[in-house]
C-alpha cells in the first residue's frame, strides 16, 4: 500500500506539499501527561497569538482559504481543519481530550498553524490517495449517519472508494478515525512549498521525535511534492 497524490492535484495546486509521518506499533491506550500539557499550552498560546486578529486574514490561514477558492470550495462555509480548530478556541472553547494521538496532532496543528490529519492504516483496504472524487466514492460522516456522495470533482482523501476526508482538509470520515486500538498511523501535514513549507518540515520533525520518545514506536518520514508524489505505507 502507498500514500500518493494524483497528478491533477498539482495542476490545481502546483506548490502543495504533504509532510508525511508514518508511525508503526503505537500504544494509544496509555495516557501521557506530557501530551495533555502540550495541548493545554498550545491552546493558551493560540488565544494569545490571535487576540485582536481577524482569523480569516491571519497569515497561517490565508493560503488554505485561497486554495479552497481555487478548488471551488467556499472557505466561509467549509473551513480548513486548522482554521476550524483555531476558531473554536477563539470563541472560548477548550479542545476536548480525545485520545493521546489525536491530542498530540491537535497540539502540533495549533503550534505550527498547519492542518494535520491522522489515518488508521489498519482500517485501509487499499492505498490512500489524494485525488478528485468519482461518482462511486462514499463518505460516512464522523460519528456515523447517512453515507454521502462527494460533489463532482471534489478533492478528497480516499482509500479505494472509501472517502477518508471530504473537501481536502475539511472533515474526516468515521472510516479510519483514530481510536485507542489504532496501532499503525499515517499523519499527513498539508502545506505549500512557497509559504509554509519550512513549517511543514519542522512540524514533521517534531512529531516524529515525539512519537519515538513518548511512544517508543518505529517512525518513517517523507515529503510528497509534484516531483515525489508517493510513499510506501
C-alpha atoms as a PDB file:
ATOM      1  CA  UNK A   1       0.000   0.000   0.000  1.00  0.00           C
ATOM      2  CA  UNK A   2       1.072   3.563  -0.733  1.00  0.00           C
ATOM      3  CA  UNK A   3       0.099   7.094   0.132  1.00  0.00           C
ATOM      4  CA  UNK A   4       0.057   9.040  -3.118  1.00  0.00           C
ATOM      5  CA  UNK A   5      -1.051  12.332  -4.640  1.00  0.00           C
ATOM      6  CA  UNK A   6      -2.800  12.324  -8.007  1.00  0.00           C
ATOM      7  CA  UNK A   7      -1.088  14.429 -10.671  1.00  0.00           C
ATOM      8  CA  UNK A   8      -4.221  16.552 -11.214  1.00  0.00           C
ATOM      9  CA  UNK A   9      -3.858  17.868  -7.667  1.00  0.00           C
ATOM     10  CA  UNK A  10      -0.573  19.529  -8.614  1.00  0.00           C
ATOM     11  CA  UNK A  11      -2.179  21.033 -11.716  1.00  0.00           C
ATOM     12  CA  UNK A  12      -4.662  22.822  -9.429  1.00  0.00           C
ATOM     13  CA  UNK A  13      -2.255  23.461  -6.532  1.00  0.00           C
ATOM     14  CA  UNK A  14       1.274  23.498  -8.009  1.00  0.00           C
ATOM     15  CA  UNK A  15       3.078  24.283  -4.742  1.00  0.00           C
ATOM     16  CA  UNK A  16       1.126  21.985  -2.440  1.00  0.00           C
ATOM     17  CA  UNK A  17       3.184  19.603  -0.326  1.00  0.00           C
ATOM     18  CA  UNK A  18       2.463  16.873   2.187  1.00  0.00           C
ATOM     19  CA  UNK A  19       4.738  16.197   5.107  1.00  0.00           C
ATOM     20  CA  UNK A  20       4.335  12.522   5.959  1.00  0.00           C
ATOM     21  CA  UNK A  21       4.932  10.757   9.256  1.00  0.00           C
ATOM     22  CA  UNK A  22       4.201   7.024   9.466  1.00  0.00           C
ATOM     23  CA  UNK A  23       4.157   5.511  12.965  1.00  0.00           C
ATOM     24  CA  UNK A  24       4.158   1.738  13.469  1.00  0.00           C
ATOM     25  CA  UNK A  25       3.383  -0.028  16.738  1.00  0.00           C
ATOM     26  CA  UNK A  26       1.721   2.832  18.627  1.00  0.00           C
ATOM     27  CA  UNK A  27       0.144   2.103  22.021  1.00  0.00           C
ATOM     28  CA  UNK A  28      -2.670   4.639  22.015  1.00  0.00           C
ATOM     29  CA  UNK A  29      -4.324   3.258  25.124  1.00  0.00           C
ATOM     30  CA  UNK A  30      -1.882   4.831  27.547  1.00  0.00           C
ATOM     31  CA  UNK A  31      -2.354   8.335  28.868  1.00  0.00           C
ATOM     32  CA  UNK A  32       0.707  10.554  28.518  1.00  0.00           C
ATOM     33  CA  UNK A  33       0.683  13.610  30.743  1.00  0.00           C
ATOM     34  CA  UNK A  34       3.161  15.473  28.530  1.00  0.00           C
ATOM     35  CA  UNK A  35       0.702  15.358  25.625  1.00  0.00           C
ATOM     36  CA  UNK A  36      -2.175  16.713  27.716  1.00  0.00           C
ATOM     37  CA  UNK A  37       0.067  19.518  28.970  1.00  0.00           C
ATOM     38  CA  UNK A  38       1.261  20.232  25.415  1.00  0.00           C
ATOM     39  CA  UNK A  39      -2.311  20.595  24.120  1.00  0.00           C
ATOM     40  CA  UNK A  40      -3.252  22.854  27.027  1.00  0.00           C
ATOM     41  CA  UNK A  41      -0.201  25.056  26.473  1.00  0.00           C
ATOM     42  CA  UNK A  42      -0.850  25.424  22.737  1.00  0.00           C
ATOM     43  CA  UNK A  43      -4.485  26.274  23.390  1.00  0.00           C
ATOM     44  CA  UNK A  44      -3.365  29.147  25.616  1.00  0.00           C
ATOM     45  CA  UNK A  45      -0.697  30.186  23.109  1.00  0.00           C
ATOM     46  CA  UNK A  46      -3.088  30.357  20.137  1.00  0.00           C
ATOM     47  CA  UNK A  47      -5.504  32.530  22.116  1.00  0.00           C
ATOM     48  CA  UNK A  48      -2.684  34.959  22.855  1.00  0.00           C
ATOM     49  CA  UNK A  49      -1.311  34.853  19.304  1.00  0.00           C
ATOM     50  CA  UNK A  50      -4.662  35.528  17.640  1.00  0.00           C
ATOM     51  CA  UNK A  51      -6.081  38.038  20.110  1.00  0.00           C
ATOM     52  CA  UNK A  52      -7.479  41.028  18.211  1.00  0.00           C
ATOM     53  CA  UNK A  53      -6.766  39.413  14.833  1.00  0.00           C
ATOM     54  CA  UNK A  54      -9.312  38.622  12.126  1.00  0.00           C
ATOM     55  CA  UNK A  55      -8.755  34.890  11.744  1.00  0.00           C
ATOM     56  CA  UNK A  56      -9.749  34.956   8.074  1.00  0.00           C
ATOM     57  CA  UNK A  57      -6.850  37.338   7.401  1.00  0.00           C
ATOM     58  CA  UNK A  58      -4.244  35.555   9.527  1.00  0.00           C
ATOM     59  CA  UNK A  59      -1.148  34.532   7.578  1.00  0.00           C
ATOM     60  CA  UNK A  60      -1.420  30.916   8.705  1.00  0.00           C
ATOM     61  CA  UNK A  61      -4.982  30.641   7.424  1.00  0.00           C
ATOM     62  CA  UNK A  62      -4.960  32.678   4.204  1.00  0.00           C
ATOM     63  CA  UNK A  63      -3.136  30.106   1.989  1.00  0.00           C
ATOM     64  CA  UNK A  64      -5.772  27.471   2.717  1.00  0.00           C
ATOM     65  CA  UNK A  65      -8.661  29.864   2.138  1.00  0.00           C
ATOM     66  CA  UNK A  66      -7.132  30.846  -1.205  1.00  0.00           C
ATOM     67  CA  UNK A  67      -6.577  27.190  -2.117  1.00  0.00           C
ATOM     68  CA  UNK A  68     -10.185  26.355  -1.240  1.00  0.00           C
ATOM     69  CA  UNK A  69     -11.381  29.149  -3.541  1.00  0.00           C
ATOM     70  CA  UNK A  70      -9.232  27.804  -6.377  1.00  0.00           C
ATOM     71  CA  UNK A  71     -10.832  24.391  -5.804  1.00  0.00           C
ATOM     72  CA  UNK A  72     -14.341  25.857  -5.944  1.00  0.00           C
ATOM     73  CA  UNK A  73     -14.921  25.467  -2.187  1.00  0.00           C
ATOM     74  CA  UNK A  74     -16.385  28.334  -0.153  1.00  0.00           C
ATOM     75  CA  UNK A  75     -13.934  28.781   2.787  1.00  0.00           C
ATOM     76  CA  UNK A  76     -16.545  30.664   4.794  1.00  0.00           C
ATOM     77  CA  UNK A  77     -18.796  27.612   4.753  1.00  0.00           C
ATOM     78  CA  UNK A  78     -16.117  24.907   4.734  1.00  0.00           C
ATOM     79  CA  UNK A  79     -13.052  25.856   6.755  1.00  0.00           C
ATOM     80  CA  UNK A  80      -9.744  24.028   6.779  1.00  0.00           C
ATOM     81  CA  UNK A  81      -9.269  21.918   9.896  1.00  0.00           C
ATOM     82  CA  UNK A  82      -6.712  24.277  11.423  1.00  0.00           C
ATOM     83  CA  UNK A  83      -8.958  27.319  10.923  1.00  0.00           C
ATOM     84  CA  UNK A  84     -11.867  25.438  12.499  1.00  0.00           C
ATOM     85  CA  UNK A  85      -9.718  24.426  15.496  1.00  0.00           C
ATOM     86  CA  UNK A  86      -8.492  27.982  15.972  1.00  0.00           C
ATOM     87  CA  UNK A  87     -11.974  29.475  15.614  1.00  0.00           C
ATOM     88  CA  UNK A  88     -13.324  27.128  18.256  1.00  0.00           C
ATOM     89  CA  UNK A  89     -10.624  28.179  20.702  1.00  0.00           C
ATOM     90  CA  UNK A  90     -11.046  31.877  19.952  1.00  0.00           C
ATOM     91  CA  UNK A  91     -14.713  31.505  20.860  1.00  0.00           C
ATOM     92  CA  UNK A  92     -13.565  30.485  24.329  1.00  0.00           C
ATOM     93  CA  UNK A  93     -13.961  26.734  23.965  1.00  0.00           C
ATOM     94  CA  UNK A  94     -11.227  24.332  25.028  1.00  0.00           C
ATOM     95  CA  UNK A  95     -10.496  21.320  22.837  1.00  0.00           C
ATOM     96  CA  UNK A  96     -11.648  18.041  24.391  1.00  0.00           C
ATOM     97  CA  UNK A  97      -9.040  15.404  25.136  1.00  0.00           C
ATOM     98  CA  UNK A  98      -9.995  12.579  22.765  1.00  0.00           C
ATOM     99  CA  UNK A  99      -7.074  10.170  22.899  1.00  0.00           C
ATOM    100  CA  UNK A 100      -3.333  10.652  23.106  1.00  0.00           C
ATOM    101  CA  UNK A 101      -2.551  10.527  19.374  1.00  0.00           C
ATOM    102  CA  UNK A 102      -5.393  12.852  18.386  1.00  0.00           C
ATOM    103  CA  UNK A 103      -4.459  15.274  21.178  1.00  0.00           C
ATOM    104  CA  UNK A 104      -0.831  15.272  20.030  1.00  0.00           C
ATOM    105  CA  UNK A 105      -1.858  16.036  16.456  1.00  0.00           C
ATOM    106  CA  UNK A 106      -4.120  18.878  17.569  1.00  0.00           C
ATOM    107  CA  UNK A 107      -1.369  20.415  19.700  1.00  0.00           C
ATOM    108  CA  UNK A 108       1.116  20.393  16.824  1.00  0.00           C
ATOM    109  CA  UNK A 109      -1.512  21.661  14.393  1.00  0.00           C
ATOM    110  CA  UNK A 110      -2.056  24.696  16.631  1.00  0.00           C
ATOM    111  CA  UNK A 111       1.651  25.243  17.280  1.00  0.00           C
ATOM    112  CA  UNK A 112       2.576  25.351  13.602  1.00  0.00           C
ATOM    113  CA  UNK A 113      -0.804  26.529  12.253  1.00  0.00           C
ATOM    114  CA  UNK A 114      -0.989  23.593   9.861  1.00  0.00           C
ATOM    115  CA  UNK A 115      -3.722  21.081   9.023  1.00  0.00           C
ATOM    116  CA  UNK A 116      -2.587  17.727  10.373  1.00  0.00           C
ATOM    117  CA  UNK A 117      -4.574  14.575   9.738  1.00  0.00           C
ATOM    118  CA  UNK A 118      -4.280  11.106  11.249  1.00  0.00           C
ATOM    119  CA  UNK A 119      -5.423   7.947   9.467  1.00  0.00           C
ATOM    120  CA  UNK A 120      -5.535   4.401  10.804  1.00  0.00           C
ATOM    121  CA  UNK A 121      -3.558   2.320   8.310  1.00  0.00           C
ATOM    122  CA  UNK A 122      -5.114  -0.850   9.709  1.00  0.00           C
ATOM    123  CA  UNK A 123      -8.538   0.328   8.531  1.00  0.00           C
ATOM    124  CA  UNK A 124      -7.434   0.810   4.917  1.00  0.00           C
ATOM    125  CA  UNK A 125      -8.286  -1.803   2.298  1.00  0.00           C
ATOM    126  CA  UNK A 126      -6.272  -0.061  -0.396  1.00  0.00           C
ATOM    127  CA  UNK A 127      -3.690   2.669  -0.864  1.00  0.00           C
ATOM    128  CA  UNK A 128      -4.560   6.136   0.420  1.00  0.00           C
ATOM    129  CA  UNK A 129      -4.774   8.758  -2.300  1.00  0.00           C
ATOM    130  CA  UNK A 130      -5.438  12.475  -2.538  1.00  0.00           C
ATOM    131  CA  UNK A 131      -7.481  12.872  -5.729  1.00  0.00           C
ATOM    132  CA  UNK A 132     -10.669  14.315  -7.129  1.00  0.00           C
ATOM    133  CA  UNK A 133     -13.883  12.470  -6.359  1.00  0.00           C
ATOM    134  CA  UNK A 134     -15.561   9.898  -8.570  1.00  0.00           C
ATOM    135  CA  UNK A 135     -19.300   9.054  -8.642  1.00  0.00           C
ATOM    136  CA  UNK A 136     -18.738   5.750  -6.831  1.00  0.00           C
ATOM    137  CA  UNK A 137     -16.915   7.303  -3.857  1.00  0.00           C
ATOM    138  CA  UNK A 138     -18.712   7.125  -0.490  1.00  0.00           C
ATOM    139  CA  UNK A 139     -18.231   9.178   2.697  1.00  0.00           C
ATOM    140  CA  UNK A 140     -19.568   8.211   6.136  1.00  0.00           C
ATOM    141  CA  UNK A 141     -19.737  11.308   8.384  1.00  0.00           C
ATOM    142  CA  UNK A 142     -17.721  11.392  11.599  1.00  0.00           C
ATOM    143  CA  UNK A 143     -19.835   9.865  14.330  1.00  0.00           C
ATOM    144  CA  UNK A 144     -21.944   7.931  11.818  1.00  0.00           C
ATOM    145  CA  UNK A 145     -25.032   8.888   9.879  1.00  0.00           C
ATOM    146  CA  UNK A 146     -26.246   8.519   6.322  1.00  0.00           C
ATOM    147  CA  UNK A 147     -23.481   7.913   3.759  1.00  0.00           C
ATOM    148  CA  UNK A 148     -22.751  10.865   1.480  1.00  0.00           C
ATOM    149  CA  UNK A 149     -21.560  11.179  -2.094  1.00  0.00           C
ATOM    150  CA  UNK A 150     -18.904  13.888  -2.514  1.00  0.00           C
ATOM    151  CA  UNK A 151     -19.511  16.659  -5.006  1.00  0.00           C
ATOM    152  CA  UNK A 152     -18.320  16.082  -8.545  1.00  0.00           C
ATOM    153  CA  UNK A 153     -14.548  16.624  -8.760  1.00  0.00           C
ATOM    154  CA  UNK A 154     -14.292  17.405  -5.041  1.00  0.00           C
ATOM    155  CA  UNK A 155     -10.756  16.996  -3.666  1.00  0.00           C
ATOM    156  CA  UNK A 156     -10.689  14.129  -1.177  1.00  0.00           C
ATOM    157  CA  UNK A 157      -8.517  11.740   0.788  1.00  0.00           C
ATOM    158  CA  UNK A 158      -9.705   8.293  -0.288  1.00  0.00           C
ATOM    159  CA  UNK A 159      -8.793   4.605   0.011  1.00  0.00           C
ATOM    160  CA  UNK A 160     -10.343   2.658  -2.853  1.00  0.00           C
ATOM    161  CA  UNK A 161     -13.767   4.301  -2.925  1.00  0.00           C
ATOM    162  CA  UNK A 162     -13.938   4.893   0.835  1.00  0.00           C
ATOM    163  CA  UNK A 163     -13.593   8.621   1.415  1.00  0.00           C
ATOM    164  CA  UNK A 164     -11.485   9.447   4.461  1.00  0.00           C
ATOM    165  CA  UNK A 165     -11.683  13.249   4.285  1.00  0.00           C
ATOM    166  CA  UNK A 166     -14.070  15.484   2.333  1.00  0.00           C
ATOM    167  CA  UNK A 167     -13.179  18.798   0.724  1.00  0.00           C
ATOM    168  CA  UNK A 168      -9.472  18.020   1.123  1.00  0.00           C
ATOM    169  CA  UNK A 169      -8.787  19.114   4.726  1.00  0.00           C
ATOM    170  CA  UNK A 170     -12.296  19.962   5.887  1.00  0.00           C
ATOM    171  CA  UNK A 171     -13.949  16.984   7.579  1.00  0.00           C
ATOM    172  CA  UNK A 172     -12.757  13.469   8.403  1.00  0.00           C
ATOM    173  CA  UNK A 173     -14.854  10.329   7.987  1.00  0.00           C
ATOM    174  CA  UNK A 174     -15.908   7.767  10.567  1.00  0.00           C
ATOM    175  CA  UNK A 175     -13.912   5.286   8.482  1.00  0.00           C
ATOM    176  CA  UNK A 176     -10.286   5.258   9.530  1.00  0.00           C
ATOM    177  CA  UNK A 177     -10.595   7.527  12.559  1.00  0.00           C
ATOM    178  CA  UNK A 178      -8.019   7.133  15.302  1.00  0.00           C
ATOM    179  CA  UNK A 179      -9.157   5.305  18.425  1.00  0.00           C
ATOM    180  CA  UNK A 180      -7.405   3.624  21.343  1.00  0.00           C
ATOM    181  CA  UNK A 181      -6.890   0.446  19.295  1.00  0.00           C
ATOM    182  CA  UNK A 182      -5.089   2.233  16.433  1.00  0.00           C
ATOM    183  CA  UNK A 183      -1.523   0.943  16.132  1.00  0.00           C
ATOM    184  CA  UNK A 184      -0.225   1.940  12.685  1.00  0.00           C
ATOM    185  CA  UNK A 185      -0.956   5.562  11.820  1.00  0.00           C
ATOM    186  CA  UNK A 186      -0.325   7.896   8.896  1.00  0.00           C
ATOM    187  CA  UNK A 187      -0.055  11.610   9.666  1.00  0.00           C
ATOM    188  CA  UNK A 188      -0.237  13.902   6.611  1.00  0.00           C
ATOM    189  CA  UNK A 189       0.685  17.550   7.148  1.00  0.00           C
ATOM    190  CA  UNK A 190      -0.737  19.689   4.331  1.00  0.00           C
ATOM    191  CA  UNK A 191       1.070  22.847   3.269  1.00  0.00           C
ATOM    192  CA  UNK A 192       2.649  24.812   0.448  1.00  0.00           C
ATOM    193  CA  UNK A 193       6.318  24.897  -0.527  1.00  0.00           C
ATOM    194  CA  UNK A 194       6.285  28.617  -1.241  1.00  0.00           C
ATOM    195  CA  UNK A 195       4.754  29.906   2.004  1.00  0.00           C
ATOM    196  CA  UNK A 196       4.844  27.428   4.880  1.00  0.00           C
ATOM    197  CA  UNK A 197       6.967  24.571   3.600  1.00  0.00           C
ATOM    198  CA  UNK A 198       9.557  25.082   6.343  1.00  0.00           C
ATOM    199  CA  UNK A 199       6.830  24.912   8.978  1.00  0.00           C
ATOM    200  CA  UNK A 200       5.652  21.614   7.470  1.00  0.00           C
ATOM    201  CA  UNK A 201       9.165  20.194   7.799  1.00  0.00           C
ATOM    202  CA  UNK A 202       9.530  21.481  11.362  1.00  0.00           C
ATOM    203  CA  UNK A 203       6.171  20.030  12.421  1.00  0.00           C
ATOM    204  CA  UNK A 204       7.054  16.744  10.764  1.00  0.00           C
ATOM    205  CA  UNK A 205      10.389  16.585  12.584  1.00  0.00           C
ATOM    206  CA  UNK A 206       8.875  17.389  15.985  1.00  0.00           C
ATOM    207  CA  UNK A 207       6.050  14.892  15.532  1.00  0.00           C
ATOM    208  CA  UNK A 208       8.497  12.141  14.564  1.00  0.00           C
ATOM    209  CA  UNK A 209      10.687  12.816  17.594  1.00  0.00           C
ATOM    210  CA  UNK A 210       7.726  12.903  19.991  1.00  0.00           C
ATOM    211  CA  UNK A 211       6.382   9.629  18.627  1.00  0.00           C
ATOM    212  CA  UNK A 212       9.756   7.999  19.188  1.00  0.00           C
ATOM    213  CA  UNK A 213      10.355   9.444  22.646  1.00  0.00           C
ATOM    214  CA  UNK A 214       6.833   9.187  24.085  1.00  0.00           C
ATOM    215  CA  UNK A 215       5.536   6.056  22.354  1.00  0.00           C
ATOM    216  CA  UNK A 216       8.760   4.214  21.519  1.00  0.00           C
ATOM    217  CA  UNK A 217       7.391   3.319  18.098  1.00  0.00           C
ATOM    218  CA  UNK A 218       9.025   2.982  14.689  1.00  0.00           C
ATOM    219  CA  UNK A 219       8.718   6.095  12.523  1.00  0.00           C
ATOM    220  CA  UNK A 220       9.219   6.793   8.816  1.00  0.00           C
ATOM    221  CA  UNK A 221       9.021  10.291   7.308  1.00  0.00           C
ATOM    222  CA  UNK A 222       8.792  11.732   3.824  1.00  0.00           C
ATOM    223  CA  UNK A 223       7.750  14.806   1.855  1.00  0.00           C
ATOM    224  CA  UNK A 224       5.369  14.452  -1.074  1.00  0.00           C
ATOM    225  CA  UNK A 225       5.527  17.037  -3.867  1.00  0.00           C
ATOM    226  CA  UNK A 226       4.864  17.044  -7.596  1.00  0.00           C
ATOM    227  CA  UNK A 227       8.378  15.609  -8.061  1.00  0.00           C
ATOM    228  CA  UNK A 228       7.871  12.927  -5.400  1.00  0.00           C
ATOM    229  CA  UNK A 229       4.144  12.108  -5.220  1.00  0.00           C
ATOM    230  CA  UNK A 230       4.143   8.739  -3.436  1.00  0.00           C
ATOM    231  CA  UNK A 231       5.459   6.917  -0.356  1.00  0.00           C
ATOM    232  CA  UNK A 232       5.064   3.305   0.736  1.00  0.00           C
ATOM    233  CA  UNK A 233       2.989   2.561   3.830  1.00  0.00           C
END
